[in-house]
Protein backbone atom coordinates (compact mmCIF):
# COMPACT_ATOMS: atom_id res chain seq x y z
CA MET A 1 180.61 37.42 33.68
CA ARG A 2 181.10 33.98 32.17
CA THR A 3 181.96 33.49 28.54
CA ASP A 4 179.49 31.82 26.19
CA ALA A 5 181.86 28.86 25.87
CA GLU A 6 182.03 28.39 29.65
CA LEU A 7 178.26 28.60 29.94
CA LYS A 8 177.74 26.10 27.14
CA ALA A 9 180.23 23.64 28.64
CA ASP A 10 178.53 23.89 32.05
CA LEU A 11 175.06 23.41 30.57
CA MET A 12 176.09 20.42 28.48
CA GLU A 13 177.78 18.78 31.45
CA ARG A 14 174.63 19.15 33.53
CA LEU A 15 172.41 17.84 30.72
CA ASP A 16 174.63 14.79 30.34
CA ALA A 17 174.14 14.06 34.03
CA ILE A 18 170.36 13.61 33.63
CA PRO A 19 169.74 9.86 33.19
CA ALA A 20 166.71 10.29 30.90
CA VAL A 21 168.55 12.66 28.58
CA ASN A 22 171.08 11.86 25.94
CA GLY A 23 173.01 15.12 25.68
CA SER A 24 173.27 14.76 21.92
CA GLU A 25 169.48 15.00 21.58
CA ILE A 26 169.51 18.54 22.94
CA GLU A 27 171.25 21.36 21.15
CA VAL A 28 172.66 24.12 23.34
CA SER A 29 173.40 27.52 21.86
CA VAL A 30 174.66 30.53 23.77
CA ASP A 31 174.78 34.05 22.37
CA HIS A 32 176.05 36.81 24.68
CA GLY A 33 174.66 34.98 27.71
CA MET A 34 171.30 34.21 26.08
CA VAL A 35 170.81 30.46 26.18
CA THR A 36 168.60 28.50 23.78
CA LEU A 37 167.96 24.79 24.16
CA SER A 38 166.33 22.93 21.32
CA GLY A 39 165.67 19.32 20.46
CA GLU A 40 163.47 16.49 21.66
CA VAL A 41 163.11 14.46 24.84
CA ASP A 42 160.94 11.44 25.56
CA THR A 43 158.41 12.89 28.04
CA HIS A 44 157.07 16.12 29.57
CA GLN A 45 158.67 15.01 32.83
CA THR A 46 162.09 14.88 31.19
CA ARG A 47 161.55 18.32 29.67
CA PHE A 48 160.68 19.68 33.12
CA GLN A 49 163.79 18.05 34.57
CA VAL A 50 165.94 19.66 31.87
CA GLU A 51 164.43 23.07 32.57
CA ARG A 52 164.91 22.73 36.32
CA THR A 53 168.51 21.63 35.83
CA VAL A 54 169.56 24.42 33.48
CA ARG A 55 167.94 27.12 35.61
CA ARG A 56 170.50 26.30 38.32
CA VAL A 57 173.34 27.44 36.06
CA SER A 58 174.54 30.90 37.00
CA GLY A 59 175.60 33.58 34.54
CA MET A 60 172.78 33.29 31.99
CA ARG A 61 171.16 36.51 30.83
CA GLY A 62 168.16 34.68 29.43
CA LEU A 63 166.86 31.21 28.75
CA GLU A 64 164.67 29.96 25.94
CA ILE A 65 163.62 26.33 25.88
CA LYS A 66 162.43 24.92 22.57
CA ILE A 67 162.44 21.28 23.60
CA LYS A 68 159.50 19.16 22.51
CA PRO A 69 158.46 15.95 24.24
CA SER A 70 158.32 13.31 21.53
CA PRO A 71 157.10 9.77 22.17
CA SER A 72 159.28 8.62 19.26
CA ALA A 73 162.48 9.91 20.85
CA PRO A 74 164.79 7.02 21.77
CA LYS A 75 163.74 5.51 25.08
CA ARG A 76 166.13 5.50 28.01
CA HIS A 77 165.95 3.42 31.16
CA HIS A 78 163.81 5.04 33.84
CA HIS A 79 164.13 4.75 37.61
């Protein structure tokens, strides 16, 4: 079983690797393996990408995503 700190570090690293996401816009909290992501991203597509990415992380006991797409979130370059 992974520690909360290990899980959080892994999640944040993966979020930082998504071009459309600035890791600082998403808050990651882990409590006994239960992961909660909150914050804002620019589009529904980005939110979906975040969800798909974090679901690949092993060791989570649960995942709650409270990320809202917000058109006013800072724009990033898109491919």
